[in-house]
Amino acid sequence: MLAGRIVGDATEAVDAAHALGYPAVLKAADPNLVHKSDVGGVRLNLADAAEVAAAYRAVVDATGDPRVLVQPQVATQAELVAGIVHDPLFGSLVMLGLGGVHTDLFADRALRLLPVTDTDAAAMWRSLRAAPLLTGYRGAPAADTAGIEDLVLRLGRLAEELPEVAELDLNPVLAGPDGVVAVDVKLRLAPVDAEPDPAGALREPA
């Protein structure tokens, strides 16, 4: 997970940016905001204290919430979304897809039942329409696909061991040649009964 600090005023924002490093990124920290960039809740490539302070005020004016997340800027790479979703019939599923602002527009994603195997993890990213972006599209460096597969496997293990994770959303996950890093996370916990048996759910009733 990318380092970051939630702040409550412009001075704290500047201090956080100094500590984390420039260029900096500011994002609204309101957990109820799904698409922060759509409402003006994201400011990128902030080069100094003056830009950070101005960006803090702009984000707060746009959202009405003084809580702002400060993070270091990460070089542009392929943006993915990954996580855990819960289906009432099949139980926990692991999800991987095209992320960032394109998540809802293209709905390019893959789902797998538990347990997730090495073969599943590789097949998930390969099945995406955006897969060429991960393998060196038009001469760009290939992403760390082994790191993507490791992330998927870790999500599968988490879903098996903690079924109370009703929803986990990592978006965006930046996948580049030097590794994979989750920039933003949303988590929802809920009490659940025993997980349903996916194989049993697929069987015809007697």
C-alpha atoms as a PDB file:
ATOM      1  CA  MET A   1       0.000   0.000   0.000  1.00  0.00           C
ATOM      2  CA  LEU A   2       1.340   3.423  -0.946  1.00  0.00           C
ATOM      3  CA  ALA A   3       2.366   5.570   2.026  1.00  0.00           C
ATOM      4  CA  GLY A   4       0.045   8.422   2.931  1.00  0.00           C
ATOM      5  CA  ARG A   5      -1.196  10.658   5.713  1.00  0.00           C
ATOM      6  CA  ILE A   6      -4.672  12.028   6.415  1.00  0.00           C
ATOM      7  CA  VAL A   7      -4.553  15.703   7.392  1.00  0.00           C
ATOM      8  CA  GLY A   8      -7.059  18.248   8.637  1.00  0.00           C
ATOM      9  CA  ASP A   9      -5.673  21.598   7.523  1.00  0.00           C
ATOM     10  CA  ALA A  10      -3.331  23.181   4.976  1.00  0.00           C
ATOM     11  CA  THR A  11      -0.358  23.341   7.337  1.00  0.00           C
ATOM     12  CA  GLU A  12      -0.616  19.633   8.089  1.00  0.00           C
ATOM     13  CA  ALA A  13      -0.904  18.961   4.364  1.00  0.00           C
ATOM     14  CA  VAL A  14       2.338  20.820   3.665  1.00  0.00           C
ATOM     15  CA  ASP A  15       4.131  19.038   6.517  1.00  0.00           C
ATOM     16  CA  ALA A  16       2.938  15.670   5.203  1.00  0.00           C
ATOM     17  CA  ALA A  17       4.053  16.470   1.661  1.00  0.00           C
ATOM     18  CA  HIS A  18       7.521  17.437   2.939  1.00  0.00           C
ATOM     19  CA  ALA A  19       7.768  14.176   4.878  1.00  0.00           C
ATOM     20  CA  LEU A  20       6.463  11.925   2.080  1.00  0.00           C
ATOM     21  CA  GLY A  21       8.246  13.679  -0.777  1.00  0.00           C
ATOM     22  CA  TYR A  22       7.411  15.720  -3.862  1.00  0.00           C
ATOM     23  CA  PRO A  23       5.669  15.714  -6.236  1.00  0.00           C
ATOM     24  CA  ALA A  24       2.643  15.159  -4.027  1.00  0.00           C
ATOM     25  CA  VAL A  25      -0.964  14.110  -4.527  1.00  0.00           C
ATOM     26  CA  LEU A  26      -3.965  15.261  -2.475  1.00  0.00           C
ATOM     27  CA  LYS A  27      -7.214  13.306  -2.365  1.00  0.00           C
ATOM     28  CA  ALA A  28     -10.458  13.712  -0.480  1.00  0.00           C
ATOM     29  CA  ALA A  29     -10.487  11.257   2.428  1.00  0.00           C
ATOM     30  CA  ASP A  30     -14.283  11.027   2.763  1.00  0.00           C
ATOM     31  CA  PRO A  31     -14.985   7.251   2.628  1.00  0.00           C
ATOM     32  CA  ASN A  32     -18.413   7.907   1.113  1.00  0.00           C
ATOM     33  CA  LEU A  33     -16.954   9.472  -2.038  1.00  0.00           C
ATOM     34  CA  VAL A  34     -16.768   6.786  -4.722  1.00  0.00           C
ATOM     35  CA  HIS A  35     -15.377   8.834  -7.622  1.00  0.00           C
ATOM     36  CA  LYS A  36     -13.220  11.521  -6.036  1.00  0.00           C
ATOM     37  CA  SER A  37     -11.915  12.973  -9.295  1.00  0.00           C
ATOM     38  CA  ASP A  38     -15.456  13.595 -10.587  1.00  0.00           C
ATOM     39  CA  VAL A  39     -16.166  16.093  -7.815  1.00  0.00           C
ATOM     40  CA  GLY A  40     -12.784  17.811  -7.791  1.00  0.00           C
ATOM     41  CA  GLY A  41     -11.446  15.762  -4.907  1.00  0.00           C
ATOM     42  CA  VAL A  42      -8.072  14.882  -6.454  1.00  0.00           C
ATOM     43  CA  ARG A  43      -5.067  17.117  -7.153  1.00  0.00           C
ATOM     44  CA  LEU A  44      -1.945  15.694  -8.830  1.00  0.00           C
ATOM     45  CA  ASN A  45       1.684  16.652  -9.471  1.00  0.00           C
ATOM     46  CA  LEU A  46       1.993  19.220  -6.689  1.00  0.00           C
ATOM     47  CA  ALA A  47       5.561  20.474  -6.759  1.00  0.00           C
ATOM     48  CA  ASP A  48       5.925  22.620  -3.633  1.00  0.00           C
ATOM     49  CA  ALA A  49       4.355  23.875  -0.418  1.00  0.00           C
ATOM     50  CA  ALA A  50       2.366  26.653  -2.096  1.00  0.00           C
ATOM     51  CA  GLU A  51       0.771  24.223  -4.556  1.00  0.00           C
ATOM     52  CA  VAL A  52      -0.048  21.768  -1.763  1.00  0.00           C
ATOM     53  CA  ALA A  53      -1.686  24.445   0.381  1.00  0.00           C
ATOM     54  CA  ALA A  54      -3.749  25.719  -2.564  1.00  0.00           C
ATOM     55  CA  ALA A  55      -4.727  22.171  -3.519  1.00  0.00           C
ATOM     56  CA  TYR A  56      -5.825  21.420   0.042  1.00  0.00           C
ATOM     57  CA  ARG A  57      -8.180  24.409   0.018  1.00  0.00           C
ATOM     58  CA  ALA A  58      -9.518  23.421  -3.419  1.00  0.00           C
ATOM     59  CA  VAL A  59     -10.252  19.836  -2.346  1.00  0.00           C
ATOM     60  CA  VAL A  60     -12.015  20.980   0.829  1.00  0.00           C
ATOM     61  CA  ASP A  61     -14.047  23.568  -1.116  1.00  0.00           C
ATOM     62  CA  ALA A  62     -15.080  20.862  -3.596  1.00  0.00           C
ATOM     63  CA  THR A  63     -16.077  18.242  -1.021  1.00  0.00           C
ATOM     64  CA  GLY A  64     -16.946  20.185   2.122  1.00  0.00           C
ATOM     65  CA  ASP A  65     -14.829  17.782   4.170  1.00  0.00           C
ATOM     66  CA  PRO A  66     -11.546  18.884   5.819  1.00  0.00           C
ATOM     67  CA  ARG A  67     -10.117  15.361   5.787  1.00  0.00           C
ATOM     68  CA  VAL A  68      -7.595  15.054   2.957  1.00  0.00           C
ATOM     69  CA  LEU A  69      -5.154  12.263   2.129  1.00  0.00           C
ATOM     70  CA  VAL A  70      -1.604  13.283   1.154  1.00  0.00           C
ATOM     71  CA  GLN A  71       0.510  10.805  -0.839  1.00  0.00           C
ATOM     72  CA  PRO A  72       3.627  10.919  -3.005  1.00  0.00           C
ATOM     73  CA  GLN A  73       3.044  11.005  -6.755  1.00  0.00           C
ATOM     74  CA  VAL A  74       3.709   7.676  -8.479  1.00  0.00           C
ATOM     75  CA  ALA A  75       4.762   7.507 -12.125  1.00  0.00           C
ATOM     76  CA  THR A  76       1.870   6.709 -14.470  1.00  0.00           C
ATOM     77  CA  GLN A  77       1.522   2.974 -15.007  1.00  0.00           C
ATOM     78  CA  ALA A  78      -1.269   0.539 -15.868  1.00  0.00           C
ATOM     79  CA  GLU A  79      -4.165   1.118 -13.473  1.00  0.00           C
ATOM     80  CA  LEU A  80      -6.005  -1.936 -12.183  1.00  0.00           C
ATOM     81  CA  VAL A  81      -8.724  -2.597  -9.654  1.00  0.00           C
ATOM     82  CA  ALA A  82      -8.550  -5.646  -7.396  1.00  0.00           C
ATOM     83  CA  GLY A  83     -10.459  -6.848  -4.404  1.00  0.00           C
ATOM     84  CA  ILE A  84     -13.007  -9.131  -2.805  1.00  0.00           C
ATOM     85  CA  VAL A  85     -16.739  -9.101  -3.428  1.00  0.00           C
ATOM     86  CA  HIS A  86     -19.398 -11.161  -1.683  1.00  0.00           C
ATOM     87  CA  ASP A  87     -22.137 -13.013  -3.534  1.00  0.00           C
ATOM     88  CA  PRO A  88     -25.067 -14.421  -1.535  1.00  0.00           C
ATOM     89  CA  LEU A  89     -25.039 -17.611  -3.602  1.00  0.00           C
ATOM     90  CA  PHE A  90     -21.352 -18.260  -4.197  1.00  0.00           C
ATOM     91  CA  GLY A  91     -19.785 -16.512  -1.200  1.00  0.00           C
ATOM     92  CA  SER A  92     -16.553 -14.546  -1.496  1.00  0.00           C
ATOM     93  CA  LEU A  93     -15.101 -13.931  -4.950  1.00  0.00           C
ATOM     94  CA  VAL A  94     -11.780 -12.395  -5.958  1.00  0.00           C
ATOM     95  CA  MET A  95     -11.952  -9.644  -8.572  1.00  0.00           C
ATOM     96  CA  LEU A  96      -9.367  -8.131 -10.919  1.00  0.00           C
ATOM     97  CA  GLY A  97      -9.949  -5.602 -13.671  1.00  0.00           C
ATOM     98  CA  LEU A  98      -9.077  -2.365 -15.392  1.00  0.00           C
ATOM     99  CA  GLY A  99      -9.019   0.334 -12.740  1.00  0.00           C
ATOM    100  CA  GLY A 100      -8.813   4.058 -12.221  1.00  0.00           C
ATOM    101  CA  VAL A 101     -11.400   6.323 -13.819  1.00  0.00           C
ATOM    102  CA  HIS A 102     -12.147   3.637 -16.440  1.00  0.00           C
ATOM    103  CA  THR A 103     -13.429   1.035 -13.977  1.00  0.00           C
ATOM    104  CA  ASP A 104     -17.145   1.637 -14.500  1.00  0.00           C
ATOM    105  CA  LEU A 105     -16.873   2.817 -18.111  1.00  0.00           C
ATOM    106  CA  PHE A 106     -15.406  -0.393 -19.539  1.00  0.00           C
ATOM    107  CA  ALA A 107     -16.341  -2.935 -16.821  1.00  0.00           C
ATOM    108  CA  ASP A 108     -13.297  -4.963 -17.857  1.00  0.00           C
ATOM    109  CA  ARG A 109     -12.912  -7.392 -14.977  1.00  0.00           C
ATOM    110  CA  ALA A 110     -12.566 -11.055 -14.057  1.00  0.00           C
ATOM    111  CA  LEU A 111     -13.971 -12.949 -11.061  1.00  0.00           C
ATOM    112  CA  ARG A 112     -12.882 -16.236  -9.509  1.00  0.00           C
ATOM    113  CA  LEU A 113     -14.405 -18.540  -6.896  1.00  0.00           C
ATOM    114  CA  LEU A 114     -12.364 -19.628  -3.901  1.00  0.00           C
ATOM    115  CA  PRO A 115      -9.892 -21.162  -3.579  1.00  0.00           C
ATOM    116  CA  VAL A 116      -7.838 -19.186  -6.099  1.00  0.00           C
ATOM    117  CA  THR A 117      -4.985 -21.164  -7.660  1.00  0.00           C
ATOM    118  CA  ASP A 118      -1.811 -20.064  -9.442  1.00  0.00           C
ATOM    119  CA  THR A 119      -3.516 -20.941 -12.721  1.00  0.00           C
ATOM    120  CA  ASP A 120      -6.528 -18.804 -11.800  1.00  0.00           C
ATOM    121  CA  ALA A 121      -4.345 -15.823 -10.911  1.00  0.00           C
ATOM    122  CA  ALA A 122      -2.546 -15.915 -14.258  1.00  0.00           C
ATOM    123  CA  ALA A 123      -5.753 -16.474 -16.213  1.00  0.00           C
ATOM    124  CA  MET A 124      -7.468 -13.507 -14.569  1.00  0.00           C
ATOM    125  CA  TRP A 125      -5.141 -10.806 -15.874  1.00  0.00           C
ATOM    126  CA  ARG A 126      -4.681 -12.570 -19.217  1.00  0.00           C
ATOM    127  CA  SER A 127      -8.472 -12.618 -19.754  1.00  0.00           C
ATOM    128  CA  LEU A 128      -8.807  -8.828 -19.475  1.00  0.00           C
ATOM    129  CA  ARG A 129      -9.309  -6.810 -22.644  1.00  0.00           C
ATOM    130  CA  ALA A 130      -6.684  -4.464 -21.192  1.00  0.00           C
ATOM    131  CA  ALA A 131      -4.119  -7.290 -20.871  1.00  0.00           C
ATOM    132  CA  PRO A 132      -1.896  -5.846 -23.670  1.00  0.00           C
ATOM    133  CA  LEU A 133      -1.272  -2.827 -21.418  1.00  0.00           C
ATOM    134  CA  LEU A 134       0.461  -5.208 -19.005  1.00  0.00           C
ATOM    135  CA  THR A 135       2.705  -6.946 -21.521  1.00  0.00           C
ATOM    136  CA  GLY A 136       4.400  -4.011 -23.231  1.00  0.00           C
ATOM    137  CA  TYR A 137       1.800  -2.333 -25.423  1.00  0.00           C
ATOM    138  CA  ARG A 138       3.420  -0.304 -28.239  1.00  0.00           C
ATOM    139  CA  GLY A 139       6.870  -0.577 -26.780  1.00  0.00           C
ATOM    140  CA  ALA A 140       5.997   0.387 -23.210  1.00  0.00           C
ATOM    141  CA  PRO A 141       7.760  -1.613 -20.487  1.00  0.00           C
ATOM    142  CA  ALA A 142       5.843  -4.691 -19.371  1.00  0.00           C
ATOM    143  CA  ALA A 143       4.261  -4.678 -15.940  1.00  0.00           C
ATOM    144  CA  ASP A 144       5.256  -7.010 -13.150  1.00  0.00           C
ATOM    145  CA  THR A 145       2.640  -9.657 -13.938  1.00  0.00           C
ATOM    146  CA  ALA A 146       4.094 -11.982 -11.300  1.00  0.00           C
ATOM    147  CA  GLY A 147       3.350  -9.242  -8.773  1.00  0.00           C
ATOM    148  CA  ILE A 148      -0.226  -8.999 -10.061  1.00  0.00           C
ATOM    149  CA  GLU A 149      -0.662 -12.748  -9.659  1.00  0.00           C
ATOM    150  CA  ASP A 150       0.785 -12.605  -6.147  1.00  0.00           C
ATOM    151  CA  LEU A 151      -1.718  -9.881  -5.238  1.00  0.00           C
ATOM    152  CA  VAL A 152      -4.611 -11.997  -6.544  1.00  0.00           C
ATOM    153  CA  LEU A 153      -3.428 -15.022  -4.568  1.00  0.00           C
ATOM    154  CA  ARG A 154      -3.092 -12.961  -1.396  1.00  0.00           C
ATOM    155  CA  LEU A 155      -6.621 -11.639  -1.849  1.00  0.00           C
ATOM    156  CA  GLY A 156      -7.853 -15.193  -2.275  1.00  0.00           C
ATOM    157  CA  ARG A 157      -6.147 -16.276   0.939  1.00  0.00           C
ATOM    158  CA  LEU A 158      -7.553 -13.258   2.782  1.00  0.00           C
ATOM    159  CA  ALA A 159     -11.064 -14.055   1.558  1.00  0.00           C
ATOM    160  CA  GLU A 160     -10.731 -17.668   2.730  1.00  0.00           C
ATOM    161  CA  GLU A 161      -9.384 -16.814   6.151  1.00  0.00           C
ATOM    162  CA  LEU A 162     -11.593 -13.767   6.854  1.00  0.00           C
ATOM    163  CA  PRO A 163     -15.085 -14.349   5.404  1.00  0.00           C
ATOM    164  CA  GLU A 164     -16.302 -11.292   7.326  1.00  0.00           C
ATOM    165  CA  VAL A 165     -14.620  -9.177   4.630  1.00  0.00           C
ATOM    166  CA  ALA A 166     -17.799  -8.341   2.763  1.00  0.00           C
ATOM    167  CA  GLU A 167     -16.090  -5.985   0.352  1.00  0.00           C
ATOM    168  CA  LEU A 168     -12.484  -4.978  -0.306  1.00  0.00           C
ATOM    169  CA  ASP A 169     -11.725  -2.557  -3.117  1.00  0.00           C
ATOM    170  CA  LEU A 170      -8.161  -1.638  -4.120  1.00  0.00           C
ATOM    171  CA  ASN A 171      -8.450   1.068  -6.771  1.00  0.00           C
ATOM    172  CA  PRO A 172      -6.270   2.036  -8.393  1.00  0.00           C
ATOM    173  CA  VAL A 173      -3.587  -0.601  -8.208  1.00  0.00           C
ATOM    174  CA  LEU A 174      -0.596   0.684 -10.176  1.00  0.00           C
ATOM    175  CA  ALA A 175       1.169  -2.122 -12.045  1.00  0.00           C
ATOM    176  CA  GLY A 176       4.515  -1.252 -13.583  1.00  0.00           C
ATOM    177  CA  PRO A 177       7.846  -2.881 -14.381  1.00  0.00           C
ATOM    178  CA  ASP A 178       9.101  -2.278 -10.837  1.00  0.00           C
ATOM    179  CA  GLY A 179       6.174  -3.790  -8.978  1.00  0.00           C
ATOM    180  CA  VAL A 180       2.554  -3.432  -7.956  1.00  0.00           C
ATOM    181  CA  VAL A 181       1.236  -0.905  -5.440  1.00  0.00           C
ATOM    182  CA  ALA A 182      -2.289  -0.177  -4.206  1.00  0.00           C
ATOM    183  CA  VAL A 183      -2.969   3.550  -4.002  1.00  0.00           C
ATOM    184  CA  ASP A 184      -6.436   3.587  -2.444  1.00  0.00           C
ATOM    185  CA  VAL A 185      -8.428   1.049  -0.438  1.00  0.00           C
ATOM    186  CA  LYS A 186     -11.996   0.643   0.754  1.00  0.00           C
ATOM    187  CA  LEU A 187     -13.008  -2.077   3.181  1.00  0.00           C
ATOM    188  CA  ARG A 188     -16.392  -3.162   4.503  1.00  0.00           C
ATOM    189  CA  LEU A 189     -16.807  -5.809   7.175  1.00  0.00           C
ATOM    190  CA  ALA A 190     -20.019  -7.646   7.956  1.00  0.00           C
ATOM    191  CA  PRO A 191     -20.975 -10.629  10.114  1.00  0.00           C
ATOM    192  CA  VAL A 192     -21.598 -13.658   7.930  1.00  0.00           C
ATOM    193  CA  ASP A 193     -22.770 -17.212   8.401  1.00  0.00           C
ATOM    194  CA  ALA A 194     -20.745 -20.119   7.093  1.00  0.00           C
ATOM    195  CA  GLU A 195     -19.635 -19.505   3.535  1.00  0.00           C
ATOM    196  CA  PRO A 196     -21.793 -21.283   0.933  1.00  0.00           C
ATOM    197  CA  ASP A 197     -20.276 -24.181  -0.980  1.00  0.00           C
ATOM    198  CA  PRO A 198     -19.759 -22.913  -4.568  1.00  0.00           C
ATOM    199  CA  ALA A 199     -19.782 -26.448  -5.962  1.00  0.00           C
ATOM    200  CA  GLY A 200     -23.005 -27.184  -4.142  1.00  0.00           C
ATOM    201  CA  ALA A 201     -24.550 -23.982  -5.454  1.00  0.00           C
ATOM    202  CA  LEU A 202     -23.891 -25.166  -8.997  1.00  0.00           C
ATOM    203  CA  ARG A 203     -25.430 -28.618  -8.491  1.00  0.00           C
ATOM    204  CA  GLU A 204     -28.993 -29.242  -9.560  1.00  0.00           C
ATOM    205  CA  PRO A 205     -31.400 -29.872  -6.667  1.00  0.00           C
ATOM    206  CA  ALA A 206     -32.284 -33.522  -6.116  1.00  0.00           C
END
